[in-house]
C-alpha atoms as a PDB file:
ATOM      1  CA  MET A   1      19.458  -3.241  20.005  1.00  0.00           C
ATOM      2  CA  LYS A   2      18.024  -6.717  20.438  1.00  0.00           C
ATOM      3  CA  THR A   3      14.365  -7.154  21.343  1.00  0.00           C
ATOM      4  CA  THR A   4      13.578  -9.435  24.243  1.00  0.00           C
ATOM      5  CA  TYR A   5      10.385 -11.454  24.312  1.00  0.00           C
ATOM      6  CA  THR A   6       8.218 -12.922  27.041  1.00  0.00           C
ATOM      7  CA  GLN A   7       7.137 -16.458  26.305  1.00  0.00           C
ATOM      8  CA  ARG A   8       3.453 -17.448  26.491  1.00  0.00           C
ATOM      9  CA  THR A   9       1.524 -20.568  25.535  1.00  0.00           C
ATOM     10  CA  ILE A  10      -1.526 -20.336  23.281  1.00  0.00           C
ATOM     11  CA  ARG A  11      -3.909 -23.099  22.234  1.00  0.00           C
ATOM     12  CA  PHE A  12      -5.287 -22.884  18.710  1.00  0.00           C
ATOM     13  CA  ASP A  13      -8.208 -24.333  16.882  1.00  0.00           C
ATOM     14  CA  PRO A  14      -6.535 -26.568  14.255  1.00  0.00           C
ATOM     15  CA  ARG A  15      -8.126 -24.537  11.448  1.00  0.00           C
ATOM     16  CA  GLN A  16      -6.697 -21.298  12.866  1.00  0.00           C
ATOM     17  CA  LEU A  17      -3.248 -22.807  13.168  1.00  0.00           C
ATOM     18  CA  HIS A  18      -3.424 -24.107   9.604  1.00  0.00           C
ATOM     19  CA  ARG A  19      -4.364 -20.642   8.354  1.00  0.00           C
ATOM     20  CA  LEU A  20      -1.564 -19.031  10.375  1.00  0.00           C
ATOM     21  CA  GLU A  21       0.955 -21.519   9.016  1.00  0.00           C
ATOM     22  CA  ALA A  22      -0.237 -20.876   5.458  1.00  0.00           C
ATOM     23  CA  VAL A  23       0.099 -17.094   5.854  1.00  0.00           C
ATOM     24  CA  ALA A  24       3.527 -17.483   7.443  1.00  0.00           C
ATOM     25  CA  ALA A  25       4.687 -19.721   4.589  1.00  0.00           C
ATOM     26  CA  GLN A  26       3.357 -17.312   1.953  1.00  0.00           C
ATOM     27  CA  GLN A  27       5.196 -14.401   3.560  1.00  0.00           C
ATOM     28  CA  GLY A  28       8.361 -16.288   4.440  1.00  0.00           C
ATOM     29  CA  ARG A  29       7.889 -15.565   8.141  1.00  0.00           C
ATOM     30  CA  THR A  30       7.451 -17.633  11.254  1.00  0.00           C
ATOM     31  CA  VAL A  31       4.090 -18.179  12.939  1.00  0.00           C
ATOM     32  CA  PRO A  32       5.252 -16.185  16.003  1.00  0.00           C
ATOM     33  CA  ASP A  33       6.215 -13.280  13.716  1.00  0.00           C
ATOM     34  CA  ILE A  34       2.758 -13.358  12.139  1.00  0.00           C
ATOM     35  CA  LEU A  35       1.103 -13.475  15.566  1.00  0.00           C
ATOM     36  CA  ARG A  36       3.118 -10.490  16.810  1.00  0.00           C
ATOM     37  CA  LEU A  37       2.167  -8.561  13.669  1.00  0.00           C
ATOM     38  CA  ILE A  38      -1.521  -9.461  14.074  1.00  0.00           C
ATOM     39  CA  ILE A  39      -1.507  -8.417  17.731  1.00  0.00           C
ATOM     40  CA  THR A  40       0.253  -5.126  16.971  1.00  0.00           C
ATOM     41  CA  ASN A  41      -2.186  -4.326  14.154  1.00  0.00           C
ATOM     42  CA  TYR A  42      -5.153  -5.164  16.374  1.00  0.00           C
ATOM     43  CA  LEU A  43      -3.915  -3.038  19.280  1.00  0.00           C
ATOM     44  CA  ASP A  44      -2.996  -0.120  17.015  1.00  0.00           C
ATOM     45  CA  GLY A  45      -6.385  -0.308  15.313  1.00  0.00           C
ATOM     46  CA  GLN A  46      -8.419  -0.107  18.497  1.00  0.00           C
ATOM     47  CA  SER A  47      -8.494   3.679  18.423  1.00  0.00           C
ATOM     48  CA  ALA A  48      -9.381   3.912  14.744  1.00  0.00           C
ATOM     49  CA  LEU A  49     -12.984   3.898  13.658  1.00  0.00           C
ATOM     50  CA  THR A  50     -14.204   1.001  11.584  1.00  0.00           C
ATOM     51  CA  ALA A  51     -15.734   1.763   8.205  1.00  0.00           C
ATOM     52  CA  SER A  52     -19.175   1.127   9.669  1.00  0.00           C
ATOM     53  CA  GLN A  53     -18.529   3.461  12.603  1.00  0.00           C
ATOM     54  CA  ARG A  54     -17.275   6.183  10.238  1.00  0.00           C
ATOM     55  CA  ARG A  55     -20.395   5.786   8.094  1.00  0.00           C
ATOM     56  CA  GLN A  56     -22.627   5.990  11.153  1.00  0.00           C
ATOM     57  CA  ALA A  57     -20.796   9.090  12.401  1.00  0.00           C
ATOM     58  CA  ARG A  58     -21.084  10.719   8.956  1.00  0.00           C
ATOM     59  CA  VAL A  59     -24.821   9.997   8.733  1.00  0.00           C
ATOM     60  CA  THR A  60     -25.323  11.366  12.249  1.00  0.00           C
ATOM     61  CA  GLU A  61     -23.378  14.543  11.480  1.00  0.00           C
ATOM     62  CA  TYR A  62     -25.289  15.022   8.226  1.00  0.00           C
ATOM     63  CA  ALA A  63     -28.636  14.581   9.985  1.00  0.00           C
ATOM     64  CA  GLN A  64     -27.651  17.065  12.693  1.00  0.00           C
ATOM     65  CA  ILE A  65     -26.530  19.681  10.176  1.00  0.00           C
ATOM     66  CA  ALA A  66     -29.639  19.196   8.038  1.00  0.00           C
ATOM     67  CA  LEU A  67     -31.972  19.395  11.023  1.00  0.00           C
ATOM     68  CA  ASP A  68     -30.222  22.494  12.367  1.00  0.00           C
ATOM     69  CA  ALA A  69     -30.536  24.170   8.949  1.00  0.00           C
ATOM     70  CA  ILE A  70     -34.254  23.366   8.817  1.00  0.00           C
ATOM     71  CA  ILE A  71     -34.805  24.666  12.347  1.00  0.00           C
ATOM     72  CA  GLN A  72     -32.855  27.872  11.661  1.00  0.00           C
ATOM     73  CA  GLU A  73     -34.810  28.495   8.472  1.00  0.00           C
ATOM     74  CA  GLN A  74     -38.320  27.412   9.442  1.00  0.00           C
ATOM     75  CA  HIS A  75     -38.451  27.614  13.254  1.00  0.00           C
ATOM     76  CA  PRO A  76     -35.649  29.873  14.532  1.00  0.00           C
ATOM     77  CA  GLU A  77     -37.683  30.706  17.650  1.00  0.00           C
ATOM     78  CA  TYR A  78     -37.213  27.102  18.897  1.00  0.00           C
ATOM     79  CA  ARG A  79     -33.469  26.771  18.269  1.00  0.00           C
ATOM     80  CA  GLU A  80     -32.194  28.056  21.638  1.00  0.00           C
ATOM     81  CA  ARG A  81     -34.745  25.974  23.527  1.00  0.00           C
ATOM     82  CA  ILE A  82     -33.719  22.855  21.571  1.00  0.00           C
ATOM     83  CA  LEU A  83     -30.024  23.503  22.242  1.00  0.00           C
ATOM     84  CA  ALA A  84     -30.700  23.987  25.969  1.00  0.00           C
ATOM     85  CA  GLU A  85     -32.657  20.718  26.087  1.00  0.00           C
ATOM     86  CA  THR A  86     -29.857  18.970  24.211  1.00  0.00           C
ATOM     87  CA  ASP A  87     -27.333  20.173  26.803  1.00  0.00           C
ATOM     88  CA  ARG A  88     -29.624  19.082  29.642  1.00  0.00           C
ATOM     89  CA  ARG A  89     -30.030  15.595  28.164  1.00  0.00           C
ATOM     90  CA  MET A  90     -26.311  15.275  27.462  1.00  0.00           C
ATOM     91  CA  GLU A  91     -25.629  15.979  31.135  1.00  0.00           C
ATOM     92  CA  ARG A  92     -28.379  13.679  32.363  1.00  0.00           C
ATOM     93  CA  TYR A  93     -27.786  10.680  30.106  1.00  0.00           C
ATOM     94  CA  HIS A  94     -24.124  10.973  29.182  1.00  0.00           C
ATOM     95  CA  GLY A  95     -22.535  12.936  32.016  1.00  0.00           C
ATOM     96  CA  ALA A  96     -21.162  15.464  29.559  1.00  0.00           C
END
């Protein structure tokens, strides 16, 4: 089955175009093929976390687990109150 394309016009900074042409030549592809590949990779990658976002999420999860362990061990009487306040703030500030 043949793919049909919609034609668009794009203006490039000369340095960008030179880089695109160099990549296309290295890979034995056309500039439009490289552009389609770049766009597909970008769109597919939008839902994936970046390395920095993954690191931040990991640090946050670690801190939450560590803090919960400390509270459970040293101040268990405050845990339910803290969880209730967390839920209240989540609703107030994040609508969740």
